[in-house]
Amino acid sequence: MSERAAPFYCPYCGEEDLEPLEEHGAWFCNDCLRSFQLKFLGVRAAQQTKESR
């Protein structure tokens, strides 16, 4: 497993010209000049619906 998962595109402009910043999970978009941070919150089991019981 890699230490950091890379985003495929900028969540603001949709472009793919991203570079990692020094902060963990932080990225900079060279197209819209915005920086953002990604954080993994966890995995949750799928909820059952009445139809699948």
C-alpha atoms as a PDB file:
ATOM      1  CA  MET A   1       0.000   0.000   0.000  1.00  0.00           C
ATOM      2  CA  SER A   2       1.318   3.438  -0.846  1.00  0.00           C
ATOM      3  CA  GLU A   3       1.889   6.079   1.795  1.00  0.00           C
ATOM      4  CA  ARG A   4      -0.329   8.583  -0.009  1.00  0.00           C
ATOM      5  CA  ALA A   5      -3.087   8.148  -2.544  1.00  0.00           C
ATOM      6  CA  ALA A   6      -2.978  10.712  -5.313  1.00  0.00           C
ATOM      7  CA  PRO A   7      -6.144  12.470  -6.495  1.00  0.00           C
ATOM      8  CA  PHE A   8      -6.875  12.165 -10.211  1.00  0.00           C
ATOM      9  CA  TYR A   9      -8.152  15.737 -10.629  1.00  0.00           C
ATOM     10  CA  CYS A  10      -8.673  19.018  -8.794  1.00  0.00           C
ATOM     11  CA  PRO A  11     -12.031  19.129  -6.959  1.00  0.00           C
ATOM     12  CA  TYR A  12     -12.402  22.831  -7.882  1.00  0.00           C
ATOM     13  CA  CYS A  13     -11.553  23.072 -11.580  1.00  0.00           C
ATOM     14  CA  GLY A  14     -11.293  19.433 -12.704  1.00  0.00           C
ATOM     15  CA  GLU A  15      -7.795  19.750 -14.157  1.00  0.00           C
ATOM     16  CA  GLU A  16      -5.104  17.126 -13.591  1.00  0.00           C
ATOM     17  CA  ASP A  17      -1.978  19.275 -13.103  1.00  0.00           C
ATOM     18  CA  LEU A  18      -1.522  18.610  -9.371  1.00  0.00           C
ATOM     19  CA  GLU A  19       1.544  18.448  -7.148  1.00  0.00           C
ATOM     20  CA  PRO A  20       1.830  17.313  -3.535  1.00  0.00           C
ATOM     21  CA  LEU A  21       2.523  19.821  -0.767  1.00  0.00           C
ATOM     22  CA  GLU A  22       4.573  19.151   2.366  1.00  0.00           C
ATOM     23  CA  GLU A  23       1.513  18.709   4.606  1.00  0.00           C
ATOM     24  CA  HIS A  24       0.175  15.150   4.700  1.00  0.00           C
ATOM     25  CA  GLY A  25      -2.600  14.777   2.134  1.00  0.00           C
ATOM     26  CA  ALA A  26      -2.261  18.341   0.801  1.00  0.00           C
ATOM     27  CA  TRP A  27      -2.182  19.102  -2.936  1.00  0.00           C
ATOM     28  CA  PHE A  28      -1.712  22.184  -5.122  1.00  0.00           C
ATOM     29  CA  CYS A  29      -3.421  22.717  -8.485  1.00  0.00           C
ATOM     30  CA  ASN A  30      -1.214  24.545 -10.992  1.00  0.00           C
ATOM     31  CA  ASP A  31      -4.238  25.492 -13.139  1.00  0.00           C
ATOM     32  CA  CYS A  32      -6.562  27.246 -10.662  1.00  0.00           C
ATOM     33  CA  LEU A  33      -3.786  27.978  -8.108  1.00  0.00           C
ATOM     34  CA  ARG A  34      -5.786  26.463  -5.239  1.00  0.00           C
ATOM     35  CA  SER A  35      -4.552  24.067  -2.595  1.00  0.00           C
ATOM     36  CA  PHE A  36      -6.661  21.422  -0.897  1.00  0.00           C
ATOM     37  CA  GLN A  37      -6.245  18.561   1.545  1.00  0.00           C
ATOM     38  CA  LEU A  38      -7.564  15.024   1.367  1.00  0.00           C
ATOM     39  CA  LYS A  39      -8.387  12.970   4.438  1.00  0.00           C
ATOM     40  CA  PHE A  40      -9.406   9.324   4.577  1.00  0.00           C
ATOM     41  CA  LEU A  41     -12.242   8.913   7.066  1.00  0.00           C
ATOM     42  CA  GLY A  42     -12.645   5.136   7.031  1.00  0.00           C
ATOM     43  CA  VAL A  43     -14.587   2.246   5.561  1.00  0.00           C
ATOM     44  CA  ARG A  44     -18.166   1.537   6.496  1.00  0.00           C
ATOM     45  CA  ALA A  45     -20.113  -1.631   5.858  1.00  0.00           C
ATOM     46  CA  ALA A  46     -23.005  -1.333   3.431  1.00  0.00           C
ATOM     47  CA  GLN A  47     -26.395  -0.937   5.078  1.00  0.00           C
ATOM     48  CA  GLN A  48     -29.042  -3.501   4.386  1.00  0.00           C
ATOM     49  CA  THR A  49     -32.335  -2.425   2.865  1.00  0.00           C
ATOM     50  CA  LYS A  50     -35.665  -4.090   3.619  1.00  0.00           C
ATOM     51  CA  GLU A  51     -35.586  -5.735   0.185  1.00  0.00           C
ATOM     52  CA  SER A  52     -32.199  -7.424   0.760  1.00  0.00           C
ATOM     53  CA  ARG A  53     -33.060  -8.999   4.145  1.00  0.00           C
END
